[in-house]
Amino acid sequence: QALLRHDLDPDRPRCCSPPRGMAAAASGSLGPVGGLDLRRQAAIAKGGLTDHRLEAVVLKNPDFDLDQTIFKTLEGFIPRLVMKKDLAVKPFWHDVAVQRITAAYSRIERPHAIDADLHEFMLNECNFSMEHADGSFMDHLVFCRDYCQVHFKPHSPRVLLIHSILGVGTNYFPMEAAKIPQLAALLTPHEMKHTEAFPSILRLILSWKLLDELAGKLGSLDKLKSIKFHRVIDNQDLELDAEEFWVQMNYQMIHLLDFAPTADWESGAPVVFQCCLGVYDFLTKAGQLRATVAIQPVRMAGLMPTLKRRIGVRVLAKYSAQIGHSLDYELRWDDSSRL
């Protein structure tokens, strides 16, 4: 059987030889604006996530270097060991799966081009050169934008293209705070509000406190008026009203999809993927899952998911403390509510 190598970069080193009848996955390239690998193409084509354990084999990648990624600032032997174990992998796809996914993806509408002014700002005023969990930082941003454009209409996909511009969870800042006025001039007020809120709401999700509190008040969410919190890059006070919060949570949902392992979900349970499942469960129960997202049921057993979650919460708190960012927030409720 002929080996089909889809999106395989001939200049990228291989971690090992692909199993017979399978193709190695690597990121394609769209120049400076990133590309989509098979896992991402499959998610957009489906409108959600699938455990590809019957379509792909995931092997260790001995060439992986955590210090070349956005997680290079992670401290502590155990946290770094756990993160490297989750990320230092490479999927190899069955030829049939490659054909199926690429055919399905080819039927998806093509994304709009990034407008020239915003594209120039990202290239010349920001630094998105770090590696992400799977491919380049730009690959991640482009996936989030493209998924939003297809599955979260009519909301602006540009929010997810630049969702990390004011900081990621590991205290990597692609842009200085002094350039915020320049960024705001390139966006609509709606886009700017969600862009500056994004890193903060993400940290609140990763801390689990916000999700746990809201999950305990499912019957009263119609009384929610707003949420107050702090901007990551400078700790400035921000506020979203209830409608803006639900839109923001759907942006977060789309973003978290990109942290799903390619296969074998029930073994390992990366901490951000646990948050992905948590947000999906919460939005579904709250009746606020507005983006098209489908995730097959997954059962995580054993101590490892709990251990990773606890480590993740501690690491996040440390990151925010290092930059003087407060993880405090306030949910404001209708005056008639006794919550």
C-alpha atoms as a PDB file:
ATOM      1  CA  GLN A   1       0.000   0.000   0.000  1.00  0.00           C
ATOM      2  CA  ALA A   2       1.408   3.380  -0.956  1.00  0.00           C
ATOM      3  CA  LEU A   3       2.209   5.754   1.862  1.00  0.00           C
ATOM      4  CA  LEU A   4       0.299   9.012   1.693  1.00  0.00           C
ATOM      5  CA  ARG A   5       2.168  11.876   3.363  1.00  0.00           C
ATOM      6  CA  HIS A   6      -0.302  14.728   3.784  1.00  0.00           C
ATOM      7  CA  ASP A   7       1.060  18.171   4.767  1.00  0.00           C
ATOM      8  CA  LEU A   8       4.480  16.665   5.460  1.00  0.00           C
ATOM      9  CA  ASP A   9       7.243  19.269   5.468  1.00  0.00           C
ATOM     10  CA  PRO A  10      10.301  17.653   3.808  1.00  0.00           C
ATOM     11  CA  ASP A  11      12.617  19.982   5.729  1.00  0.00           C
ATOM     12  CA  ARG A  12      11.217  19.147   9.151  1.00  0.00           C
ATOM     13  CA  PRO A  13      13.113  16.397  11.030  1.00  0.00           C
ATOM     14  CA  ARG A  14      11.220  13.181  11.608  1.00  0.00           C
ATOM     15  CA  CYS A  15      11.019  11.759  15.104  1.00  0.00           C
ATOM     16  CA  CYS A  16      10.867   8.242  13.724  1.00  0.00           C
ATOM     17  CA  SER A  17       9.713   6.348  10.644  1.00  0.00           C
ATOM     18  CA  PRO A  18       5.943   6.127  10.136  1.00  0.00           C
ATOM     19  CA  PRO A  19       4.310   2.741  10.660  1.00  0.00           C
ATOM     20  CA  ARG A  20       3.462   0.951   7.439  1.00  0.00           C
ATOM     21  CA  GLY A  21       0.364   2.368   5.787  1.00  0.00           C
ATOM     22  CA  MET A  22       0.386   5.518   7.868  1.00  0.00           C
ATOM     23  CA  ALA A  23       1.377   9.131   7.285  1.00  0.00           C
ATOM     24  CA  ALA A  24       3.201  11.437   9.624  1.00  0.00           C
ATOM     25  CA  ALA A  25       1.315  14.577  10.589  1.00  0.00           C
ATOM     26  CA  ALA A  26       2.979  17.921  10.381  1.00  0.00           C
ATOM     27  CA  SER A  27       1.758  21.445  10.031  1.00  0.00           C
ATOM     28  CA  GLY A  28       1.248  22.849   6.582  1.00  0.00           C
ATOM     29  CA  SER A  29       2.198  26.412   5.808  1.00  0.00           C
ATOM     30  CA  LEU A  30       0.327  29.431   4.621  1.00  0.00           C
ATOM     31  CA  GLY A  31       3.348  31.695   4.845  1.00  0.00           C
ATOM     32  CA  PRO A  32       3.235  34.027   7.806  1.00  0.00           C
ATOM     33  CA  VAL A  33      -0.350  33.242   8.770  1.00  0.00           C
ATOM     34  CA  GLY A  34      -0.013  29.595   9.789  1.00  0.00           C
ATOM     35  CA  GLY A  35      -1.493  26.346   8.516  1.00  0.00           C
ATOM     36  CA  LEU A  36      -3.722  23.488   9.634  1.00  0.00           C
ATOM     37  CA  ASP A  37      -2.674  19.918  10.350  1.00  0.00           C
ATOM     38  CA  LEU A  38      -4.971  16.916  10.075  1.00  0.00           C
ATOM     39  CA  ARG A  39      -6.212  17.085  13.667  1.00  0.00           C
ATOM     40  CA  ARG A  40      -7.292  20.685  13.168  1.00  0.00           C
ATOM     41  CA  GLN A  41      -8.801  20.027   9.740  1.00  0.00           C
ATOM     42  CA  ALA A  42     -10.836  17.180  11.234  1.00  0.00           C
ATOM     43  CA  ALA A  43     -12.169  19.418  14.027  1.00  0.00           C
ATOM     44  CA  ILE A  44     -13.311  22.136  11.623  1.00  0.00           C
ATOM     45  CA  ALA A  45     -14.815  19.643   9.168  1.00  0.00           C
ATOM     46  CA  LYS A  46     -16.794  17.944  11.952  1.00  0.00           C
ATOM     47  CA  GLY A  47     -17.627  20.959  14.057  1.00  0.00           C
ATOM     48  CA  GLY A  48     -16.150  19.378  17.142  1.00  0.00           C
ATOM     49  CA  LEU A  49     -13.751  16.775  18.473  1.00  0.00           C
ATOM     50  CA  THR A  50     -13.164  13.094  17.899  1.00  0.00           C
ATOM     51  CA  ASP A  51     -10.814  10.696  19.641  1.00  0.00           C
ATOM     52  CA  HIS A  52      -8.899   9.407  16.599  1.00  0.00           C
ATOM     53  CA  ARG A  53      -7.589   6.295  18.382  1.00  0.00           C
ATOM     54  CA  LEU A  54      -8.788   4.080  15.523  1.00  0.00           C
ATOM     55  CA  GLU A  55      -7.273   6.347  12.864  1.00  0.00           C
ATOM     56  CA  ALA A  56      -3.929   7.401  14.267  1.00  0.00           C
ATOM     57  CA  VAL A  57      -1.020   6.102  16.315  1.00  0.00           C
ATOM     58  CA  VAL A  58       0.648   8.567  18.675  1.00  0.00           C
ATOM     59  CA  LEU A  59       4.359   8.018  19.290  1.00  0.00           C
ATOM     60  CA  LYS A  60       6.959   9.819  21.385  1.00  0.00           C
ATOM     61  CA  ASN A  61       8.824  12.675  19.756  1.00  0.00           C
ATOM     62  CA  PRO A  62      12.421  12.584  21.059  1.00  0.00           C
ATOM     63  CA  ASP A  63      13.203  15.872  19.313  1.00  0.00           C
ATOM     64  CA  PHE A  64      10.641  17.840  21.332  1.00  0.00           C
ATOM     65  CA  ASP A  65      12.093  20.764  23.309  1.00  0.00           C
ATOM     66  CA  LEU A  66       9.813  22.307  25.920  1.00  0.00           C
ATOM     67  CA  ASP A  67      12.031  25.390  26.048  1.00  0.00           C
ATOM     68  CA  GLN A  68      11.147  26.242  22.454  1.00  0.00           C
ATOM     69  CA  THR A  69       7.436  26.497  23.302  1.00  0.00           C
ATOM     70  CA  ILE A  70       5.168  28.881  25.173  1.00  0.00           C
ATOM     71  CA  PHE A  71       5.715  26.593  28.173  1.00  0.00           C
ATOM     72  CA  LYS A  72       9.406  27.401  28.492  1.00  0.00           C
ATOM     73  CA  THR A  73       8.732  29.478  31.615  1.00  0.00           C
ATOM     74  CA  LEU A  74       7.169  26.519  33.424  1.00  0.00           C
ATOM     75  CA  GLU A  75       9.093  25.810  36.636  1.00  0.00           C
ATOM     76  CA  GLY A  76       9.428  22.726  38.788  1.00  0.00           C
ATOM     77  CA  PHE A  77      10.556  19.219  37.909  1.00  0.00           C
ATOM     78  CA  ILE A  78       7.119  17.565  38.214  1.00  0.00           C
ATOM     79  CA  PRO A  79       5.128  20.208  36.270  1.00  0.00           C
ATOM     80  CA  ARG A  80       7.709  20.217  33.476  1.00  0.00           C
ATOM     81  CA  LEU A  81       7.797  16.407  33.387  1.00  0.00           C
ATOM     82  CA  VAL A  82       3.999  16.196  33.163  1.00  0.00           C
ATOM     83  CA  MET A  83       3.811  18.877  30.446  1.00  0.00           C
ATOM     84  CA  LYS A  84       6.567  17.295  28.376  1.00  0.00           C
ATOM     85  CA  LYS A  85       4.897  13.887  28.590  1.00  0.00           C
ATOM     86  CA  ASP A  86       1.682  15.381  27.224  1.00  0.00           C
ATOM     87  CA  LEU A  87       3.300  17.400  24.440  1.00  0.00           C
ATOM     88  CA  ALA A  88       6.304  15.360  23.283  1.00  0.00           C
ATOM     89  CA  VAL A  89       4.276  13.225  20.895  1.00  0.00           C
ATOM     90  CA  LYS A  90       3.758  12.905  17.154  1.00  0.00           C
ATOM     91  CA  PRO A  91       0.709  11.332  15.458  1.00  0.00           C
ATOM     92  CA  PHE A  92       0.873   9.032  12.453  1.00  0.00           C
ATOM     93  CA  TRP A  93      -2.346   8.708  10.489  1.00  0.00           C
ATOM     94  CA  HIS A  94      -3.830   5.799   8.545  1.00  0.00           C
ATOM     95  CA  ASP A  95      -3.973   6.604   4.847  1.00  0.00           C
ATOM     96  CA  VAL A  96      -7.752   6.098   4.824  1.00  0.00           C
ATOM     97  CA  ALA A  97      -8.130   8.677   7.589  1.00  0.00           C
ATOM     98  CA  VAL A  98      -5.969  11.161   5.689  1.00  0.00           C
ATOM     99  CA  GLN A  99      -8.173  10.782   2.630  1.00  0.00           C
ATOM    100  CA  ARG A 100     -11.385  11.046   4.650  1.00  0.00           C
ATOM    101  CA  ILE A 101     -10.324  14.146   6.607  1.00  0.00           C
ATOM    102  CA  THR A 102      -8.866  16.040   3.661  1.00  0.00           C
ATOM    103  CA  ALA A 103     -11.967  15.327   1.570  1.00  0.00           C
ATOM    104  CA  ALA A 104     -14.272  16.564   4.341  1.00  0.00           C
ATOM    105  CA  TYR A 105     -12.141  19.646   4.955  1.00  0.00           C
ATOM    106  CA  SER A 106     -12.064  20.503   1.250  1.00  0.00           C
ATOM    107  CA  ARG A 107     -15.823  21.061   1.403  1.00  0.00           C
ATOM    108  CA  ILE A 108     -15.528  23.713   4.139  1.00  0.00           C
ATOM    109  CA  GLU A 109     -15.788  27.357   3.111  1.00  0.00           C
ATOM    110  CA  ARG A 110     -12.420  29.078   2.767  1.00  0.00           C
ATOM    111  CA  PRO A 111     -11.579  31.663   5.437  1.00  0.00           C
ATOM    112  CA  HIS A 112     -11.495  35.348   4.662  1.00  0.00           C
ATOM    113  CA  ALA A 113      -8.043  36.851   4.290  1.00  0.00           C
ATOM    114  CA  ILE A 114      -6.679  38.776   7.262  1.00  0.00           C
ATOM    115  CA  ASP A 115      -7.124  42.474   6.567  1.00  0.00           C
ATOM    116  CA  ALA A 116      -3.834  44.084   5.661  1.00  0.00           C
ATOM    117  CA  ASP A 117      -3.573  46.543   8.570  1.00  0.00           C
ATOM    118  CA  LEU A 118      -4.146  43.918  11.261  1.00  0.00           C
ATOM    119  CA  HIS A 119      -1.857  41.442   9.509  1.00  0.00           C
ATOM    120  CA  GLU A 120       0.923  44.033   9.321  1.00  0.00           C
ATOM    121  CA  PHE A 121       0.467  44.894  13.001  1.00  0.00           C
ATOM    122  CA  MET A 122       0.770  41.229  13.994  1.00  0.00           C
ATOM    123  CA  LEU A 123       3.885  40.744  11.900  1.00  0.00           C
ATOM    124  CA  ASN A 124       5.713  43.971  12.718  1.00  0.00           C
ATOM    125  CA  GLU A 125       4.509  45.025  16.165  1.00  0.00           C
ATOM    126  CA  CYS A 126       4.062  41.640  17.849  1.00  0.00           C
ATOM    127  CA  ASN A 127       6.015  38.434  18.363  1.00  0.00           C
ATOM    128  CA  PHE A 128       4.118  35.238  17.621  1.00  0.00           C
ATOM    129  CA  SER A 129       7.252  33.224  16.860  1.00  0.00           C
ATOM    130  CA  MET A 130       6.991  30.790  19.794  1.00  0.00           C
ATOM    131  CA  GLU A 131       5.999  27.176  19.296  1.00  0.00           C
ATOM    132  CA  HIS A 132       2.587  26.065  20.532  1.00  0.00           C
ATOM    133  CA  ALA A 133       1.510  22.691  21.855  1.00  0.00           C
ATOM    134  CA  ASP A 134       1.198  21.408  18.293  1.00  0.00           C
ATOM    135  CA  GLY A 135       2.986  23.409  15.618  1.00  0.00           C
ATOM    136  CA  SER A 136       3.633  27.126  15.572  1.00  0.00           C
ATOM    137  CA  PHE A 137       1.788  29.785  17.529  1.00  0.00           C
ATOM    138  CA  MET A 138       0.305  31.068  14.269  1.00  0.00           C
ATOM    139  CA  ASP A 139      -1.055  27.594  13.457  1.00  0.00           C
ATOM    140  CA  HIS A 140      -3.017  27.751  16.709  1.00  0.00           C
ATOM    141  CA  LEU A 141      -4.330  31.259  16.046  1.00  0.00           C
ATOM    142  CA  VAL A 142      -5.392  30.406  12.502  1.00  0.00           C
ATOM    143  CA  PHE A 143      -7.237  27.274  13.650  1.00  0.00           C
ATOM    144  CA  CYS A 144      -9.192  29.253  16.241  1.00  0.00           C
ATOM    145  CA  ARG A 145     -10.067  31.937  13.687  1.00  0.00           C
ATOM    146  CA  ASP A 146     -11.109  29.461  11.005  1.00  0.00           C
ATOM    147  CA  TYR A 147     -13.228  27.363  13.378  1.00  0.00           C
ATOM    148  CA  CYS A 148     -14.988  30.509  14.583  1.00  0.00           C
ATOM    149  CA  GLN A 149     -15.688  31.694  11.052  1.00  0.00           C
ATOM    150  CA  VAL A 150     -17.382  28.419  10.169  1.00  0.00           C
ATOM    151  CA  HIS A 151     -19.060  27.498  13.443  1.00  0.00           C
ATOM    152  CA  PHE A 152     -19.716  30.686  15.438  1.00  0.00           C
ATOM    153  CA  LYS A 153     -21.454  33.059  13.083  1.00  0.00           C
ATOM    154  CA  PRO A 154     -22.073  35.990  13.160  1.00  0.00           C
ATOM    155  CA  HIS A 155     -19.409  36.757  15.790  1.00  0.00           C
ATOM    156  CA  SER A 156     -16.079  38.156  14.642  1.00  0.00           C
ATOM    157  CA  PRO A 157     -13.393  35.507  14.041  1.00  0.00           C
ATOM    158  CA  ARG A 158     -10.725  38.193  14.395  1.00  0.00           C
ATOM    159  CA  VAL A 159     -11.080  37.953  18.190  1.00  0.00           C
ATOM    160  CA  LEU A 160      -9.745  34.421  18.089  1.00  0.00           C
ATOM    161  CA  LEU A 161      -7.026  35.291  15.607  1.00  0.00           C
ATOM    162  CA  ILE A 162      -5.548  37.668  18.185  1.00  0.00           C
ATOM    163  CA  HIS A 163      -6.878  36.125  21.411  1.00  0.00           C
ATOM    164  CA  SER A 164      -3.356  35.701  22.832  1.00  0.00           C
ATOM    165  CA  ILE A 165      -2.025  39.111  21.852  1.00  0.00           C
ATOM    166  CA  LEU A 166      -2.381  40.499  25.402  1.00  0.00           C
ATOM    167  CA  GLY A 167      -0.857  37.478  27.087  1.00  0.00           C
ATOM    168  CA  VAL A 168      -0.934  33.702  27.340  1.00  0.00           C
ATOM    169  CA  GLY A 169      -1.238  31.602  30.475  1.00  0.00           C
ATOM    170  CA  THR A 170       2.527  31.181  30.804  1.00  0.00           C
ATOM    171  CA  ASN A 171       3.250  34.945  31.004  1.00  0.00           C
ATOM    172  CA  TYR A 172       4.361  35.204  27.392  1.00  0.00           C
ATOM    173  CA  PHE A 173       3.214  38.551  25.968  1.00  0.00           C
ATOM    174  CA  PRO A 174       3.332  38.923  22.163  1.00  0.00           C
ATOM    175  CA  MET A 175       2.610  42.647  22.509  1.00  0.00           C
ATOM    176  CA  GLU A 176       3.535  45.369  25.012  1.00  0.00           C
ATOM    177  CA  ALA A 177       0.782  47.118  26.955  1.00  0.00           C
ATOM    178  CA  ALA A 178       1.923  50.452  25.497  1.00  0.00           C
ATOM    179  CA  LYS A 179       0.605  49.315  22.097  1.00  0.00           C
ATOM    180  CA  ILE A 180      -2.951  48.733  23.307  1.00  0.00           C
ATOM    181  CA  PRO A 181      -4.218  51.996  21.747  1.00  0.00           C
ATOM    182  CA  GLN A 182      -2.739  50.945  18.384  1.00  0.00           C
ATOM    183  CA  LEU A 183      -4.496  47.588  18.638  1.00  0.00           C
ATOM    184  CA  ALA A 184      -7.806  49.173  19.633  1.00  0.00           C
ATOM    185  CA  ALA A 185      -7.664  51.427  16.576  1.00  0.00           C
ATOM    186  CA  LEU A 186      -7.591  48.332  14.335  1.00  0.00           C
ATOM    187  CA  LEU A 187     -10.593  46.635  15.954  1.00  0.00           C
ATOM    188  CA  THR A 188     -14.263  47.329  16.536  1.00  0.00           C
ATOM    189  CA  PRO A 189     -15.265  48.089  20.162  1.00  0.00           C
ATOM    190  CA  HIS A 190     -16.847  44.611  20.347  1.00  0.00           C
ATOM    191  CA  GLU A 191     -13.656  42.936  19.128  1.00  0.00           C
ATOM    192  CA  MET A 192     -11.445  44.934  21.477  1.00  0.00           C
ATOM    193  CA  LYS A 193     -13.597  44.186  24.495  1.00  0.00           C
ATOM    194  CA  HIS A 194     -13.435  40.451  23.881  1.00  0.00           C
ATOM    195  CA  THR A 195      -9.748  40.499  22.957  1.00  0.00           C
ATOM    196  CA  GLU A 196      -8.643  42.237  26.150  1.00  0.00           C
ATOM    197  CA  ALA A 197     -10.929  40.031  28.247  1.00  0.00           C
ATOM    198  CA  PHE A 198      -9.790  36.767  26.696  1.00  0.00           C
ATOM    199  CA  PRO A 199      -6.542  36.084  28.646  1.00  0.00           C
ATOM    200  CA  SER A 200      -8.278  36.939  31.934  1.00  0.00           C
ATOM    201  CA  ILE A 201     -11.329  34.734  31.429  1.00  0.00           C
ATOM    202  CA  LEU A 202      -9.055  31.916  30.284  1.00  0.00           C
ATOM    203  CA  ARG A 203      -7.091  32.094  33.539  1.00  0.00           C
ATOM    204  CA  LEU A 204     -10.311  32.081  35.541  1.00  0.00           C
ATOM    205  CA  ILE A 205     -11.381  28.960  33.651  1.00  0.00           C
ATOM    206  CA  LEU A 206      -8.021  27.270  34.212  1.00  0.00           C
ATOM    207  CA  SER A 207      -8.271  28.029  37.936  1.00  0.00           C
ATOM    208  CA  TRP A 208     -11.607  26.117  37.987  1.00  0.00           C
ATOM    209  CA  LYS A 209     -13.067  28.427  40.647  1.00  0.00           C
ATOM    210  CA  LEU A 210     -15.296  30.311  38.196  1.00  0.00           C
ATOM    211  CA  LEU A 211     -16.579  27.156  36.499  1.00  0.00           C
ATOM    212  CA  ASP A 212     -17.278  25.464  39.823  1.00  0.00           C
ATOM    213  CA  GLU A 213     -19.193  28.496  41.126  1.00  0.00           C
ATOM    214  CA  LEU A 214     -21.291  28.891  37.993  1.00  0.00           C
ATOM    215  CA  ALA A 215     -21.975  25.151  37.761  1.00  0.00           C
ATOM    216  CA  GLY A 216     -23.459  25.364  41.252  1.00  0.00           C
ATOM    217  CA  LYS A 217     -25.902  28.070  40.151  1.00  0.00           C
ATOM    218  CA  LEU A 218     -27.254  26.624  36.919  1.00  0.00           C
ATOM    219  CA  GLY A 219     -30.828  27.394  37.905  1.00  0.00           C
ATOM    220  CA  SER A 220     -30.111  31.076  38.461  1.00  0.00           C
ATOM    221  CA  LEU A 221     -27.933  32.025  35.500  1.00  0.00           C
ATOM    222  CA  ASP A 222     -30.738  34.095  33.996  1.00  0.00           C
ATOM    223  CA  LYS A 223     -30.154  36.485  36.920  1.00  0.00           C
ATOM    224  CA  LEU A 224     -26.508  37.072  36.022  1.00  0.00           C
ATOM    225  CA  LYS A 225     -25.889  40.748  35.199  1.00  0.00           C
ATOM    226  CA  SER A 226     -22.134  40.933  34.710  1.00  0.00           C
ATOM    227  CA  ILE A 227     -18.691  39.736  35.734  1.00  0.00           C
ATOM    228  CA  LYS A 228     -15.842  41.981  36.910  1.00  0.00           C
ATOM    229  CA  PHE A 229     -12.233  40.827  36.686  1.00  0.00           C
ATOM    230  CA  HIS A 230      -8.691  42.022  36.002  1.00  0.00           C
ATOM    231  CA  ARG A 231      -6.836  42.362  32.696  1.00  0.00           C
ATOM    232  CA  VAL A 232      -3.800  40.079  32.627  1.00  0.00           C
ATOM    233  CA  ILE A 233      -1.264  42.404  31.053  1.00  0.00           C
ATOM    234  CA  ASP A 234      -1.690  45.290  33.545  1.00  0.00           C
ATOM    235  CA  ASN A 235      -4.301  44.195  36.139  1.00  0.00           C
ATOM    236  CA  GLN A 236      -6.723  46.891  34.996  1.00  0.00           C
ATOM    237  CA  ASP A 237     -10.373  46.356  35.987  1.00  0.00           C
ATOM    238  CA  LEU A 238     -12.622  45.001  33.238  1.00  0.00           C
ATOM    239  CA  GLU A 239     -16.282  44.059  33.105  1.00  0.00           C
ATOM    240  CA  LEU A 240     -18.483  42.066  30.743  1.00  0.00           C
ATOM    241  CA  ASP A 241     -22.262  42.125  30.916  1.00  0.00           C
ATOM    242  CA  ALA A 242     -24.097  38.811  30.866  1.00  0.00           C
ATOM    243  CA  GLU A 243     -24.582  38.692  27.094  1.00  0.00           C
ATOM    244  CA  GLU A 244     -20.940  39.578  26.488  1.00  0.00           C
ATOM    245  CA  PHE A 245     -19.898  36.918  28.994  1.00  0.00           C
ATOM    246  CA  TRP A 246     -21.762  34.164  27.162  1.00  0.00           C
ATOM    247  CA  VAL A 247     -20.222  35.223  23.856  1.00  0.00           C
ATOM    248  CA  GLN A 248     -16.802  35.253  25.515  1.00  0.00           C
ATOM    249  CA  MET A 249     -17.351  31.769  26.944  1.00  0.00           C
ATOM    250  CA  ASN A 250     -18.110  30.473  23.468  1.00  0.00           C
ATOM    251  CA  TYR A 251     -14.906  32.058  22.180  1.00  0.00           C
ATOM    252  CA  GLN A 252     -13.135  30.242  25.022  1.00  0.00           C
ATOM    253  CA  MET A 253     -14.839  26.993  24.063  1.00  0.00           C
ATOM    254  CA  ILE A 254     -13.529  27.181  20.513  1.00  0.00           C
ATOM    255  CA  HIS A 255     -10.030  28.024  21.726  1.00  0.00           C
ATOM    256  CA  LEU A 256      -9.915  25.074  24.123  1.00  0.00           C
ATOM    257  CA  LEU A 257     -10.775  22.646  21.320  1.00  0.00           C
ATOM    258  CA  ASP A 258      -7.219  23.031  20.048  1.00  0.00           C
ATOM    259  CA  PHE A 259      -5.809  21.392  23.179  1.00  0.00           C
ATOM    260  CA  ALA A 260      -7.461  18.023  22.608  1.00  0.00           C
ATOM    261  CA  PRO A 261      -5.024  15.132  22.167  1.00  0.00           C
ATOM    262  CA  THR A 262      -5.153  13.465  18.773  1.00  0.00           C
ATOM    263  CA  ALA A 263      -6.012  10.082  20.255  1.00  0.00           C
ATOM    264  CA  ASP A 264      -6.396   8.056  23.469  1.00  0.00           C
ATOM    265  CA  TRP A 265      -8.259  10.716  25.444  1.00  0.00           C
ATOM    266  CA  GLU A 266      -8.802   8.524  28.483  1.00  0.00           C
ATOM    267  CA  SER A 267      -5.094   8.034  29.089  1.00  0.00           C
ATOM    268  CA  GLY A 268      -3.250  11.037  30.436  1.00  0.00           C
ATOM    269  CA  ALA A 269      -5.945  13.745  30.480  1.00  0.00           C
ATOM    270  CA  PRO A 270      -3.921  16.942  29.813  1.00  0.00           C
ATOM    271  CA  VAL A 271      -5.070  19.678  32.171  1.00  0.00           C
ATOM    272  CA  VAL A 272      -6.203  22.139  29.465  1.00  0.00           C
ATOM    273  CA  PHE A 273      -8.204  19.380  27.773  1.00  0.00           C
ATOM    274  CA  GLN A 274      -9.909  18.772  31.116  1.00  0.00           C
ATOM    275  CA  CYS A 275     -10.891  22.455  31.067  1.00  0.00           C
ATOM    276  CA  CYS A 276     -12.166  22.012  27.510  1.00  0.00           C
ATOM    277  CA  LEU A 277     -14.468  19.226  28.662  1.00  0.00           C
ATOM    278  CA  GLY A 278     -15.488  21.253  31.709  1.00  0.00           C
ATOM    279  CA  VAL A 279     -16.482  24.299  29.649  1.00  0.00           C
ATOM    280  CA  TYR A 280     -18.360  22.103  27.170  1.00  0.00           C
ATOM    281  CA  ASP A 281     -20.280  20.416  29.985  1.00  0.00           C
ATOM    282  CA  PHE A 282     -21.095  23.736  31.668  1.00  0.00           C
ATOM    283  CA  LEU A 283     -22.230  25.563  28.533  1.00  0.00           C
ATOM    284  CA  THR A 284     -24.337  22.588  27.477  1.00  0.00           C
ATOM    285  CA  LYS A 285     -26.099  22.380  30.843  1.00  0.00           C
ATOM    286  CA  ALA A 286     -26.526  26.151  30.978  1.00  0.00           C
ATOM    287  CA  GLY A 287     -28.117  26.181  27.512  1.00  0.00           C
ATOM    288  CA  GLN A 288     -25.474  28.657  26.343  1.00  0.00           C
ATOM    289  CA  LEU A 289     -23.434  26.582  23.879  1.00  0.00           C
ATOM    290  CA  ARG A 290     -23.946  28.880  20.911  1.00  0.00           C
ATOM    291  CA  ALA A 291     -21.018  27.804  18.762  1.00  0.00           C
ATOM    292  CA  THR A 292     -21.384  24.536  16.888  1.00  0.00           C
ATOM    293  CA  VAL A 293     -19.365  22.118  18.995  1.00  0.00           C
ATOM    294  CA  ALA A 294     -19.774  18.374  19.412  1.00  0.00           C
ATOM    295  CA  ILE A 295     -17.503  16.309  21.643  1.00  0.00           C
ATOM    296  CA  GLN A 296     -17.874  12.580  22.003  1.00  0.00           C
ATOM    297  CA  PRO A 297     -18.280  11.377  25.604  1.00  0.00           C
ATOM    298  CA  VAL A 298     -15.066  10.630  27.455  1.00  0.00           C
ATOM    299  CA  ARG A 299     -14.528   9.039  30.845  1.00  0.00           C
ATOM    300  CA  MET A 300     -11.326   9.849  32.684  1.00  0.00           C
ATOM    301  CA  ALA A 301     -10.483   7.522  35.556  1.00  0.00           C
ATOM    302  CA  GLY A 302      -7.657   7.189  38.027  1.00  0.00           C
ATOM    303  CA  LEU A 303      -5.590   9.689  39.992  1.00  0.00           C
ATOM    304  CA  MET A 304      -3.672  11.247  37.103  1.00  0.00           C
ATOM    305  CA  PRO A 305      -6.435  13.658  35.921  1.00  0.00           C
ATOM    306  CA  THR A 306      -6.910  14.930  39.473  1.00  0.00           C
ATOM    307  CA  LEU A 307      -3.165  15.279  40.001  1.00  0.00           C
ATOM    308  CA  LYS A 308      -2.725  17.222  36.766  1.00  0.00           C
ATOM    309  CA  ARG A 309      -5.625  19.499  37.628  1.00  0.00           C
ATOM    310  CA  ARG A 310      -4.138  20.328  41.039  1.00  0.00           C
ATOM    311  CA  ILE A 311      -0.722  21.008  39.532  1.00  0.00           C
ATOM    312  CA  GLY A 312      -2.293  23.207  36.871  1.00  0.00           C
ATOM    313  CA  VAL A 313      -4.183  25.312  39.412  1.00  0.00           C
ATOM    314  CA  ARG A 314      -1.032  25.883  41.482  1.00  0.00           C
ATOM    315  CA  VAL A 315       1.081  26.744  38.448  1.00  0.00           C
ATOM    316  CA  LEU A 316      -1.520  29.216  37.167  1.00  0.00           C
ATOM    317  CA  ALA A 317      -1.733  30.997  40.526  1.00  0.00           C
ATOM    318  CA  LYS A 318       2.052  31.310  40.544  1.00  0.00           C
ATOM    319  CA  TYR A 319       2.128  32.781  37.036  1.00  0.00           C
ATOM    320  CA  SER A 320      -0.441  35.449  37.902  1.00  0.00           C
ATOM    321  CA  ALA A 321       1.335  36.295  41.152  1.00  0.00           C
ATOM    322  CA  GLN A 322       4.610  36.785  39.282  1.00  0.00           C
ATOM    323  CA  ILE A 323       3.144  39.620  37.192  1.00  0.00           C
ATOM    324  CA  GLY A 324       0.896  41.166  39.819  1.00  0.00           C
ATOM    325  CA  HIS A 325      -2.281  39.908  38.201  1.00  0.00           C
ATOM    326  CA  SER A 326      -5.241  39.254  40.475  1.00  0.00           C
ATOM    327  CA  LEU A 327      -7.380  36.181  39.857  1.00  0.00           C
ATOM    328  CA  ASP A 328     -10.178  37.708  41.921  1.00  0.00           C
ATOM    329  CA  TYR A 329     -13.482  38.236  40.151  1.00  0.00           C
ATOM    330  CA  GLU A 330     -17.011  39.285  41.042  1.00  0.00           C
ATOM    331  CA  LEU A 331     -20.234  37.915  39.622  1.00  0.00           C
ATOM    332  CA  ARG A 332     -22.981  40.513  39.750  1.00  0.00           C
ATOM    333  CA  TRP A 333     -26.566  39.354  39.933  1.00  0.00           C
ATOM    334  CA  ASP A 334     -29.952  40.924  39.422  1.00  0.00           C
ATOM    335  CA  ASP A 335     -31.096  42.789  42.544  1.00  0.00           C
ATOM    336  CA  SER A 336     -34.010  40.415  42.918  1.00  0.00           C
ATOM    337  CA  SER A 337     -31.636  37.457  43.211  1.00  0.00           C
ATOM    338  CA  ARG A 338     -30.664  36.255  46.677  1.00  0.00           C
ATOM    339  CA  LEU A 339     -27.521  34.477  45.471  1.00  0.00           C
END
